[in-house]
Amino acid sequence: MPGELVALVTCPPDQAEVIAKTIVESRLAACVNILPGITSVYSWEGAIHKDPETLLIIKTNRAFYDAFETKIKEIHPYDVPEIICVPIELGSEAYLSWLNQSIG
């Protein structure tokens, strides 16, 4: 099935469940895995930062990407949230069918 995506979004640990629940309730994602306890090292505004974050692994669909990105930017506390998507090349037909039925 074409169009399925895995989106990676990092966020502050205290925002992970709110973002995950909002995206699923909005039917812009079928599922969000919350991976706590990561550390991000990054350059921002000319300085190197190191912060605790949570990684959200989000299953969505390309057809709803624009609405998905808009919603993430609306509810995310960062000025420039990380939103990176990779296509799902292969997967269980039953799972991908459920994914697509859960979105939209």
PDB file of N, CA and C in Angstrom:
ATOM      1  N   MET A   1       0.845  -1.182   0.000  1.00  0.00           N
ATOM      2  CA  MET A   1       0.000   0.000   0.000  1.00  0.00           C
ATOM      3  C   MET A   1       0.887   1.241   0.000  1.00  0.00           C
ATOM      4  N   PRO A   2       0.766   2.097  -0.970  1.00  0.00           N
ATOM      5  CA  PRO A   2       1.630   3.279  -1.037  1.00  0.00           C
ATOM      6  C   PRO A   2       1.183   4.360  -0.065  1.00  0.00           C
ATOM      7  N   GLY A   3       2.155   5.117   0.420  1.00  0.00           N
ATOM      8  CA  GLY A   3       1.826   6.303   1.174  1.00  0.00           C
ATOM      9  C   GLY A   3       2.019   6.237   2.670  1.00  0.00           C
ATOM     10  N   GLU A   4       2.213   5.059   3.229  1.00  0.00           N
ATOM     11  CA  GLU A   4       2.388   4.982   4.673  1.00  0.00           C
ATOM     12  C   GLU A   4       3.749   5.543   5.060  1.00  0.00           C
ATOM     13  N   LEU A   5       3.779   6.233   6.212  1.00  0.00           N
ATOM     14  CA  LEU A   5       4.995   6.881   6.688  1.00  0.00           C
ATOM     15  C   LEU A   5       5.228   6.568   8.159  1.00  0.00           C
ATOM     16  N   VAL A   6       6.501   6.597   8.546  1.00  0.00           N
ATOM     17  CA  VAL A   6       6.884   6.646   9.949  1.00  0.00           C
ATOM     18  C   VAL A   6       7.471   8.033  10.161  1.00  0.00           C
ATOM     19  N   ALA A   7       6.882   8.780  11.078  1.00  0.00           N
ATOM     20  CA  ALA A   7       7.359  10.126  11.392  1.00  0.00           C
ATOM     21  C   ALA A   7       8.091  10.083  12.728  1.00  0.00           C
ATOM     22  N   LEU A   8       9.220  10.774  12.779  1.00  0.00           N
ATOM     23  CA  LEU A   8       9.987  10.905  14.008  1.00  0.00           C
ATOM     24  C   LEU A   8       9.857  12.340  14.497  1.00  0.00           C
ATOM     25  N   VAL A   9       9.413  12.485  15.729  1.00  0.00           N
ATOM     26  CA  VAL A   9       9.229  13.802  16.331  1.00  0.00           C
ATOM     27  C   VAL A   9       9.794  13.735  17.743  1.00  0.00           C
ATOM     28  N   THR A  10      10.723  14.635  18.062  1.00  0.00           N
ATOM     29  CA  THR A  10      11.209  14.726  19.433  1.00  0.00           C
ATOM     30  C   THR A  10      10.453  15.836  20.153  1.00  0.00           C
ATOM     31  N   CYS A  11      10.373  15.694  21.476  1.00  0.00           N
ATOM     32  CA  CYS A  11       9.662  16.695  22.263  1.00  0.00           C
ATOM     33  C   CYS A  11      10.129  16.631  23.712  1.00  0.00           C
ATOM     34  N   PRO A  12       9.780  17.652  24.504  1.00  0.00           N
ATOM     35  CA  PRO A  12      10.078  17.587  25.931  1.00  0.00           C
ATOM     36  C   PRO A  12       9.331  16.404  26.554  1.00  0.00           C
ATOM     37  N   PRO A  13       9.938  15.720  27.508  1.00  0.00           N
ATOM     38  CA  PRO A  13       9.292  14.549  28.105  1.00  0.00           C
ATOM     39  C   PRO A  13       7.875  14.808  28.628  1.00  0.00           C
ATOM     40  N   ASP A  14       7.624  15.984  29.182  1.00  0.00           N
ATOM     41  CA  ASP A  14       6.306  16.261  29.751  1.00  0.00           C
ATOM     42  C   ASP A  14       5.239  16.565  28.704  1.00  0.00           C
ATOM     43  N   GLN A  15       5.620  16.641  27.434  1.00  0.00           N
ATOM     44  CA  GLN A  15       4.663  16.916  26.358  1.00  0.00           C
ATOM     45  C   GLN A  15       4.333  15.700  25.505  1.00  0.00           C
ATOM     46  N   ALA A  16       5.060  14.607  25.688  1.00  0.00           N
ATOM     47  CA  ALA A  16       4.945  13.439  24.796  1.00  0.00           C
ATOM     48  C   ALA A  16       3.531  12.867  24.737  1.00  0.00           C
ATOM     49  N   GLU A  17       2.932  12.601  25.879  1.00  0.00           N
ATOM     50  CA  GLU A  17       1.603  11.983  25.879  1.00  0.00           C
ATOM     51  C   GLU A  17       0.542  12.914  25.312  1.00  0.00           C
ATOM     52  N   VAL A  18       0.658  14.201  25.580  1.00  0.00           N
ATOM     53  CA  VAL A  18      -0.311  15.168  25.049  1.00  0.00           C
ATOM     54  C   VAL A  18      -0.235  15.203  23.526  1.00  0.00           C
ATOM     55  N   ILE A  19       0.971  15.273  22.992  1.00  0.00           N
ATOM     56  CA  ILE A  19       1.139  15.304  21.532  1.00  0.00           C
ATOM     57  C   ILE A  19       0.639  14.001  20.923  1.00  0.00           C
ATOM     58  N   ALA A  20       1.039  12.868  21.497  1.00  0.00           N
ATOM     59  CA  ALA A  20       0.623  11.568  20.963  1.00  0.00           C
ATOM     60  C   ALA A  20      -0.893  11.429  20.950  1.00  0.00           C
ATOM     61  N   LYS A  21      -1.515  11.735  22.066  1.00  0.00           N
ATOM     62  CA  LYS A  21      -2.973  11.602  22.165  1.00  0.00           C
ATOM     63  C   LYS A  21      -3.688  12.530  21.189  1.00  0.00           C
ATOM     64  N   THR A  22      -3.223  13.764  21.076  1.00  0.00           N
ATOM     65  CA  THR A  22      -3.857  14.730  20.173  1.00  0.00           C
ATOM     66  C   THR A  22      -3.785  14.264  18.721  1.00  0.00           C
ATOM     67  N   ILE A  23      -2.619  13.771  18.310  1.00  0.00           N
ATOM     68  CA  ILE A  23      -2.444  13.334  16.918  1.00  0.00           C
ATOM     69  C   ILE A  23      -3.321  12.123  16.608  1.00  0.00           C
ATOM     70  N   VAL A  24      -3.408  11.175  17.544  1.00  0.00           N
ATOM     71  CA  VAL A  24      -4.246   9.989  17.315  1.00  0.00           C
ATOM     72  C   VAL A  24      -5.722  10.364  17.361  1.00  0.00           C
ATOM     73  N   GLU A  25      -6.119  11.168  18.353  1.00  0.00           N
ATOM     74  CA  GLU A  25      -7.527  11.593  18.429  1.00  0.00           C
ATOM     75  C   GLU A  25      -7.951  12.397  17.211  1.00  0.00           C
ATOM     76  N   SER A  26      -7.018  13.125  16.605  1.00  0.00           N
ATOM     77  CA  SER A  26      -7.310  13.908  15.396  1.00  0.00           C
ATOM     78  C   SER A  26      -7.339  13.044  14.141  1.00  0.00           C
ATOM     79  N   ARG A  27      -7.071  11.767  14.296  1.00  0.00           N
ATOM     80  CA  ARG A  27      -7.024  10.794  13.191  1.00  0.00           C
ATOM     81  C   ARG A  27      -5.973  11.178  12.141  1.00  0.00           C
ATOM     82  N   LEU A  28      -4.877  11.777  12.620  1.00  0.00           N
ATOM     83  CA  LEU A  28      -3.748  12.112  11.754  1.00  0.00           C
ATOM     84  C   LEU A  28      -2.631  11.092  11.909  1.00  0.00           C
ATOM     85  N   ALA A  29      -2.814  10.154  12.823  1.00  0.00           N
ATOM     86  CA  ALA A  29      -1.887   9.039  13.013  1.00  0.00           C
ATOM     87  C   ALA A  29      -2.677   7.860  13.553  1.00  0.00           C
ATOM     88  N   ALA A  30      -2.214   6.673  13.210  1.00  0.00           N
ATOM     89  CA  ALA A  30      -2.868   5.472  13.714  1.00  0.00           C
ATOM     90  C   ALA A  30      -2.310   5.074  15.072  1.00  0.00           C
ATOM     91  N   CYS A  31      -1.023   5.341  15.285  1.00  0.00           N
ATOM     92  CA  CYS A  31      -0.342   4.888  16.484  1.00  0.00           C
ATOM     93  C   CYS A  31       0.877   5.766  16.735  1.00  0.00           C
ATOM     94  N   VAL A  32       1.180   5.990  18.014  1.00  0.00           N
ATOM     95  CA  VAL A  32       2.387   6.712  18.395  1.00  0.00           C
ATOM     96  C   VAL A  32       3.093   5.899  19.473  1.00  0.00           C
ATOM     97  N   ASN A  33       4.350   5.558  19.235  1.00  0.00           N
ATOM     98  CA  ASN A  33       5.189   4.934  20.259  1.00  0.00           C
ATOM     99  C   ASN A  33       5.972   6.045  20.939  1.00  0.00           C
ATOM    100  N   ILE A  34       6.004   6.008  22.255  1.00  0.00           N
ATOM    101  CA  ILE A  34       6.702   7.019  23.047  1.00  0.00           C
ATOM    102  C   ILE A  34       7.958   6.387  23.626  1.00  0.00           C
ATOM    103  N   LEU A  35       9.125   6.876  23.184  1.00  0.00           N
ATOM    104  CA  LEU A  35      10.403   6.373  23.676  1.00  0.00           C
ATOM    105  C   LEU A  35      11.027   7.421  24.581  1.00  0.00           C
ATOM    106  N   PRO A  36      10.907   7.250  25.894  1.00  0.00           N
ATOM    107  CA  PRO A  36      11.463   8.229  26.828  1.00  0.00           C
ATOM    108  C   PRO A  36      12.965   8.044  27.001  1.00  0.00           C
ATOM    109  N   GLY A  37      13.565   9.037  27.627  1.00  0.00           N
ATOM    110  CA  GLY A  37      14.940   8.886  28.075  1.00  0.00           C
ATOM    111  C   GLY A  37      16.021   9.069  27.032  1.00  0.00           C
ATOM    112  N   ILE A  38      15.755   9.819  25.979  1.00  0.00           N
ATOM    113  CA  ILE A  38      16.821  10.092  25.021  1.00  0.00           C
ATOM    114  C   ILE A  38      17.467  11.430  25.364  1.00  0.00           C
ATOM    115  N   THR A  39      18.670  11.623  24.885  1.00  0.00           N
ATOM    116  CA  THR A  39      19.379  12.884  25.041  1.00  0.00           C
ATOM    117  C   THR A  39      19.692  13.419  23.656  1.00  0.00           C
ATOM    118  N   SER A  40      19.342  14.651  23.409  1.00  0.00           N
ATOM    119  CA  SER A  40      19.634  15.281  22.123  1.00  0.00           C
ATOM    120  C   SER A  40      20.736  16.315  22.302  1.00  0.00           C
ATOM    121  N   VAL A  41      21.723  16.258  21.422  1.00  0.00           N
ATOM    122  CA  VAL A  41      22.788  17.252  21.357  1.00  0.00           C
ATOM    123  C   VAL A  41      22.626  17.936  20.011  1.00  0.00           C
ATOM    124  N   TYR A  42      22.491  19.264  20.030  1.00  0.00           N
ATOM    125  CA  TYR A  42      22.177  19.971  18.794  1.00  0.00           C
ATOM    126  C   TYR A  42      22.688  21.407  18.843  1.00  0.00           C
ATOM    127  N   SER A  43      22.790  21.977  17.665  1.00  0.00           N
ATOM    128  CA  SER A  43      23.188  23.370  17.531  1.00  0.00           C
ATOM    129  C   SER A  43      21.929  24.207  17.352  1.00  0.00           C
ATOM    130  N   TRP A  44      21.809  25.262  18.157  1.00  0.00           N
ATOM    131  CA  TRP A  44      20.652  26.153  18.050  1.00  0.00           C
ATOM    132  C   TRP A  44      21.089  27.566  18.382  1.00  0.00           C
ATOM    133  N   GLU A  45      20.830  28.475  17.457  1.00  0.00           N
ATOM    134  CA  GLU A  45      21.136  29.887  17.620  1.00  0.00           C
ATOM    135  C   GLU A  45      22.589  30.110  18.044  1.00  0.00           C
ATOM    136  N   GLY A  46      23.497  29.389  17.388  1.00  0.00           N
ATOM    137  CA  GLY A  46      24.923  29.590  17.586  1.00  0.00           C
ATOM    138  C   GLY A  46      25.536  28.908  18.793  1.00  0.00           C
ATOM    139  N   ALA A  47      24.769  28.111  19.510  1.00  0.00           N
ATOM    140  CA  ALA A  47      25.291  27.419  20.691  1.00  0.00           C
ATOM    141  C   ALA A  47      24.967  25.926  20.611  1.00  0.00           C
ATOM    142  N   ILE A  48      25.790  25.122  21.267  1.00  0.00           N
ATOM    143  CA  ILE A  48      25.536  23.690  21.359  1.00  0.00           C
ATOM    144  C   ILE A  48      24.727  23.432  22.625  1.00  0.00           C
ATOM    145  N   HIS A  49      23.647  22.679  22.477  1.00  0.00           N
ATOM    146  CA  HIS A  49      22.751  22.359  23.591  1.00  0.00           C
ATOM    147  C   HIS A  49      22.702  20.848  23.799  1.00  0.00           C
ATOM    148  N   LYS A  50      22.401  20.444  24.992  1.00  0.00           N
ATOM    149  CA  LYS A  50      22.200  19.038  25.350  1.00  0.00           C
ATOM    150  C   LYS A  50      20.977  18.990  26.250  1.00  0.00           C
ATOM    151  N   ASP A  51      19.926  18.306  25.787  1.00  0.00           N
ATOM    152  CA  ASP A  51      18.673  18.282  26.541  1.00  0.00           C
ATOM    153  C   ASP A  51      18.056  16.896  26.571  1.00  0.00           C
ATOM    154  N   PRO A  52      17.368  16.579  27.671  1.00  0.00           N
ATOM    155  CA  PRO A  52      16.584  15.345  27.696  1.00  0.00           C
ATOM    156  C   PRO A  52      15.351  15.528  26.811  1.00  0.00           C
ATOM    157  N   GLU A  53      15.034  14.503  26.052  1.00  0.00           N
ATOM    158  CA  GLU A  53      13.847  14.550  25.194  1.00  0.00           C
ATOM    159  C   GLU A  53      13.188  13.181  25.172  1.00  0.00           C
ATOM    160  N   THR A  54      12.047  13.151  24.548  1.00  0.00           N
ATOM    161  CA  THR A  54      11.322  11.914  24.273  1.00  0.00           C
ATOM    162  C   THR A  54      11.149  11.841  22.767  1.00  0.00           C
ATOM    163  N   LEU A  55      11.316  10.647  22.222  1.00  0.00           N
ATOM    164  CA  LEU A  55      11.130  10.435  20.789  1.00  0.00           C
ATOM    165  C   LEU A  55       9.764   9.819  20.543  1.00  0.00           C
ATOM    166  N   LEU A  56       9.007  10.440  19.657  1.00  0.00           N
ATOM    167  CA  LEU A  56       7.723   9.895  19.226  1.00  0.00           C
ATOM    168  C   LEU A  56       7.927   9.220  17.877  1.00  0.00           C
ATOM    169  N   ILE A  57       7.527   7.973  17.777  1.00  0.00           N
ATOM    170  CA  ILE A  57       7.554   7.242  16.509  1.00  0.00           C
ATOM    171  C   ILE A  57       6.092   7.125  16.089  1.00  0.00           C
ATOM    172  N   ILE A  58       5.753   7.826  15.027  1.00  0.00           N
ATOM    173  CA  ILE A  58       4.356   8.030  14.639  1.00  0.00           C
ATOM    174  C   ILE A  58       4.081   7.358  13.299  1.00  0.00           C
ATOM    175  N   LYS A  59       3.026   6.545  13.254  1.00  0.00           N
ATOM    176  CA  LYS A  59       2.614   5.915  11.996  1.00  0.00           C
ATOM    177  C   LYS A  59       1.477   6.719  11.391  1.00  0.00           C
ATOM    178  N   THR A  60       1.716   7.224  10.167  1.00  0.00           N
ATOM    179  CA  THR A  60       0.744   8.079   9.499  1.00  0.00           C
ATOM    180  C   THR A  60       0.734   7.761   8.010  1.00  0.00           C
ATOM    181  N   ASN A  61       0.128   8.648   7.234  1.00  0.00           N
ATOM    182  CA  ASN A  61       0.003   8.438   5.793  1.00  0.00           C
ATOM    183  C   ASN A  61       0.305   9.744   5.066  1.00  0.00           C
ATOM    184  N   ARG A  62       1.005   9.618   3.952  1.00  0.00           N
ATOM    185  CA  ARG A  62       1.406  10.764   3.140  1.00  0.00           C
ATOM    186  C   ARG A  62       0.214  11.639   2.735  1.00  0.00           C
ATOM    187  N   ALA A  63      -0.931  11.037   2.515  1.00  0.00           N
ATOM    188  CA  ALA A  63      -2.116  11.790   2.085  1.00  0.00           C
ATOM    189  C   ALA A  63      -2.550  12.825   3.134  1.00  0.00           C
ATOM    190  N   PHE A  64      -2.187  12.591   4.397  1.00  0.00           N
ATOM    191  CA  PHE A  64      -2.578  13.493   5.476  1.00  0.00           C
ATOM    192  C   PHE A  64      -1.386  14.253   6.042  1.00  0.00           C
ATOM    193  N   TYR A  65      -0.249  14.225   5.341  1.00  0.00           N
ATOM    194  CA  TYR A  65       0.960  14.831   5.881  1.00  0.00           C
ATOM    195  C   TYR A  65       0.804  16.330   6.158  1.00  0.00           C
ATOM    196  N   ASP A  66       0.228  17.076   5.263  1.00  0.00           N
ATOM    197  CA  ASP A  66       0.116  18.530   5.474  1.00  0.00           C
ATOM    198  C   ASP A  66      -0.669  18.840   6.744  1.00  0.00           C
ATOM    199  N   ALA A  67      -1.793  18.164   6.945  1.00  0.00           N
ATOM    200  CA  ALA A  67      -2.586  18.371   8.155  1.00  0.00           C
ATOM    201  C   ALA A  67      -1.823  17.889   9.385  1.00  0.00           C
ATOM    202  N   PHE A  68      -1.105  16.785   9.247  1.00  0.00           N
ATOM    203  CA  PHE A  68      -0.281  16.243  10.328  1.00  0.00           C
ATOM    204  C   PHE A  68       0.784  17.254  10.753  1.00  0.00           C
ATOM    205  N   GLU A  69       1.525  17.783   9.787  1.00  0.00           N
ATOM    206  CA  GLU A  69       2.576  18.759  10.093  1.00  0.00           C
ATOM    207  C   GLU A  69       1.990  20.012  10.734  1.00  0.00           C
ATOM    208  N   THR A  70       0.889  20.492  10.196  1.00  0.00           N
ATOM    209  CA  THR A  70       0.239  21.679  10.752  1.00  0.00           C
ATOM    210  C   THR A  70      -0.156  21.455  12.206  1.00  0.00           C
ATOM    211  N   LYS A  71      -0.730  20.296  12.509  1.00  0.00           N
ATOM    212  CA  LYS A  71      -1.162  19.995  13.879  1.00  0.00           C
ATOM    213  C   LYS A  71       0.035  19.880  14.817  1.00  0.00           C
ATOM    214  N   ILE A  72       1.109  19.217  14.379  1.00  0.00           N
ATOM    215  CA  ILE A  72       2.306  19.103  15.211  1.00  0.00           C
ATOM    216  C   ILE A  72       2.835  20.502  15.535  1.00  0.00           C
ATOM    217  N   LYS A  73       2.961  21.355  14.537  1.00  0.00           N
ATOM    218  CA  LYS A  73       3.464  22.712  14.764  1.00  0.00           C
ATOM    219  C   LYS A  73       2.545  23.507  15.689  1.00  0.00           C
ATOM    220  N   GLU A  74       1.258  23.256  15.616  1.00  0.00           N
ATOM    221  CA  GLU A  74       0.272  23.962  16.442  1.00  0.00           C
ATOM    222  C   GLU A  74       0.399  23.579  17.922  1.00  0.00           C
ATOM    223  N   ILE A  75       0.658  22.313  18.210  1.00  0.00           N
ATOM    224  CA  ILE A  75       0.630  21.844  19.600  1.00  0.00           C
ATOM    225  C   ILE A  75       2.021  21.660  20.211  1.00  0.00           C
ATOM    226  N   HIS A  76       3.064  21.702  19.387  1.00  0.00           N
ATOM    227  CA  HIS A  76       4.423  21.460  19.872  1.00  0.00           C
ATOM    228  C   HIS A  76       5.003  22.724  20.493  1.00  0.00           C
ATOM    229  N   PRO A  77       5.726  22.608  21.609  1.00  0.00           N
ATOM    230  CA  PRO A  77       6.250  23.810  22.262  1.00  0.00           C
ATOM    231  C   PRO A  77       7.499  24.413  21.594  1.00  0.00           C
ATOM    232  N   TYR A  78       8.164  23.689  20.707  1.00  0.00           N
ATOM    233  CA  TYR A  78       9.390  24.210  20.086  1.00  0.00           C
ATOM    234  C   TYR A  78       9.064  25.148  18.937  1.00  0.00           C
ATOM    235  N   ASP A  79       9.927  26.132  18.703  1.00  0.00           N
ATOM    236  CA  ASP A  79       9.788  27.014  17.544  1.00  0.00           C
ATOM    237  C   ASP A  79       9.940  26.234  16.248  1.00  0.00           C
ATOM    238  N   VAL A  80      10.874  25.287  16.245  1.00  0.00           N
ATOM    239  CA  VAL A  80      11.143  24.463  15.057  1.00  0.00           C
ATOM    240  C   VAL A  80      11.161  22.996  15.489  1.00  0.00           C
ATOM    241  N   PRO A  81       9.994  22.359  15.561  1.00  0.00           N
ATOM    242  CA  PRO A  81       9.985  20.958  15.973  1.00  0.00           C
ATOM    243  C   PRO A  81      10.593  20.041  14.910  1.00  0.00           C
ATOM    244  N   GLU A  82      11.240  18.996  15.385  1.00  0.00           N
ATOM    245  CA  GLU A  82      11.746  17.973  14.463  1.00  0.00           C
ATOM    246  C   GLU A  82      10.560  17.180  13.940  1.00  0.00           C
ATOM    247  N   ILE A  83      10.412  17.155  12.625  1.00  0.00           N
ATOM    248  CA  ILE A  83       9.397  16.332  11.971  1.00  0.00           C
ATOM    249  C   ILE A  83      10.097  15.706  10.769  1.00  0.00           C
ATOM    250  N   ILE A  84      10.449  14.442  10.898  1.00  0.00           N
ATOM    251  CA  ILE A  84      11.149  13.734   9.831  1.00  0.00           C
ATOM    252  C   ILE A  84      10.347  12.484   9.496  1.00  0.00           C
ATOM    253  N   CYS A  85      10.068  12.281   8.224  1.00  0.00           N
ATOM    254  CA  CYS A  85       9.290  11.116   7.811  1.00  0.00           C
ATOM    255  C   CYS A  85      10.092  10.224   6.872  1.00  0.00           C
ATOM    256  N   VAL A  86       9.884   8.932   7.044  1.00  0.00           N
ATOM    257  CA  VAL A  86      10.459   7.954   6.125  1.00  0.00           C
ATOM    258  C   VAL A  86       9.328   7.055   5.635  1.00  0.00           C
ATOM    259  N   PRO A  87       9.369   6.684   4.364  1.00  0.00           N
ATOM    260  CA  PRO A  87       8.304   5.824   3.840  1.00  0.00           C
ATOM    261  C   PRO A  87       8.413   4.409   4.390  1.00  0.00           C
ATOM    262  N   ILE A  88       7.276   3.784   4.567  1.00  0.00           N
ATOM    263  CA  ILE A  88       7.240   2.371   4.927  1.00  0.00           C
ATOM    264  C   ILE A  88       7.299   1.591   3.623  1.00  0.00           C
ATOM    265  N   GLU A  89       8.405   0.915   3.402  1.00  0.00           N
ATOM    266  CA  GLU A  89       8.614   0.169   2.160  1.00  0.00           C
ATOM    267  C   GLU A  89       7.837  -1.149   2.150  1.00  0.00           C
ATOM    268  N   LEU A  90       7.873  -1.838   3.260  1.00  0.00           N
ATOM    269  CA  LEU A  90       7.200  -3.124   3.396  1.00  0.00           C
ATOM    270  C   LEU A  90       6.588  -3.222   4.769  1.00  0.00           C
ATOM    271  N   GLY A  91       5.553  -4.036   4.904  1.00  0.00           N
ATOM    272  CA  GLY A  91       4.946  -4.258   6.208  1.00  0.00           C
ATOM    273  C   GLY A  91       3.819  -5.257   6.085  1.00  0.00           C
ATOM    274  N   SER A  92       3.369  -5.717   7.217  1.00  0.00           N
ATOM    275  CA  SER A  92       2.246  -6.643   7.264  1.00  0.00           C
ATOM    276  C   SER A  92       1.040  -6.000   6.585  1.00  0.00           C
ATOM    277  N   GLU A  93       0.438  -6.713   5.656  1.00  0.00           N
ATOM    278  CA  GLU A  93      -0.721  -6.175   4.935  1.00  0.00           C
ATOM    279  C   GLU A  93      -1.854  -5.835   5.907  1.00  0.00           C
ATOM    280  N   ALA A  94      -2.055  -6.684   6.910  1.00  0.00           N
ATOM    281  CA  ALA A  94      -3.124  -6.442   7.884  1.00  0.00           C
ATOM    282  C   ALA A  94      -2.827  -5.175   8.698  1.00  0.00           C
ATOM    283  N   TYR A  95      -1.562  -4.998   9.113  1.00  0.00           N
ATOM    284  CA  TYR A  95      -1.202  -3.814   9.891  1.00  0.00           C
ATOM    285  C   TYR A  95      -1.348  -2.542   9.061  1.00  0.00           C
ATOM    286  N   LEU A  96      -0.854  -2.572   7.827  1.00  0.00           N
ATOM    287  CA  LEU A  96      -0.948  -1.385   6.972  1.00  0.00           C
ATOM    288  C   LEU A  96      -2.386  -1.043   6.639  1.00  0.00           C
ATOM    289  N   SER A  97      -3.223  -2.059   6.507  1.00  0.00           N
ATOM    290  CA  SER A  97      -4.648  -1.827   6.265  1.00  0.00           C
ATOM    291  C   SER A  97      -5.267  -1.131   7.478  1.00  0.00           C
ATOM    292  N   TRP A  98      -4.949  -1.638   8.690  1.00  0.00           N
ATOM    293  CA  TRP A  98      -5.450  -1.016   9.920  1.00  0.00           C
ATOM    294  C   TRP A  98      -4.958   0.431  10.012  1.00  0.00           C
ATOM    295  N   LEU A  99      -3.670   0.651   9.723  1.00  0.00           N
ATOM    296  CA  LEU A  99      -3.093   1.999   9.770  1.00  0.00           C
ATOM    297  C   LEU A  99      -3.913   2.952   8.914  1.00  0.00           C
ATOM    298  N   ASN A 100      -4.143   2.558   7.684  1.00  0.00           N
ATOM    299  CA  ASN A 100      -4.866   3.438   6.759  1.00  0.00           C
ATOM    300  C   ASN A 100      -6.321   3.643   7.151  1.00  0.00           C
ATOM    301  N   GLN A 101      -6.947   2.634   7.725  1.00  0.00           N
ATOM    302  CA  GLN A 101      -8.338   2.778   8.173  1.00  0.00           C
ATOM    303  C   GLN A 101      -8.460   3.665   9.411  1.00  0.00           C
ATOM    304  N   SER A 102      -7.374   3.796  10.155  1.00  0.00           N
ATOM    305  CA  SER A 102      -7.387   4.577  11.393  1.00  0.00           C
ATOM    306  C   SER A 102      -7.142   6.069  11.172  1.00  0.00           C
ATOM    307  N   ILE A 103      -6.748   6.430   9.973  1.00  0.00           N
ATOM    308  CA  ILE A 103      -6.389   7.829   9.668  1.00  0.00           C
ATOM    309  C   ILE A 103      -7.458   8.447   8.777  1.00  0.00           C
ATOM    310  N   GLY A 104      -7.707   9.731   8.997  1.00  0.00           N
ATOM    311  CA  GLY A 104      -8.565  10.465   8.076  1.00  0.00           C
ATOM    312  C   GLY A 104      -9.956  10.680   8.532  1.00  0.00           C
TER     313      GLY A 104
END
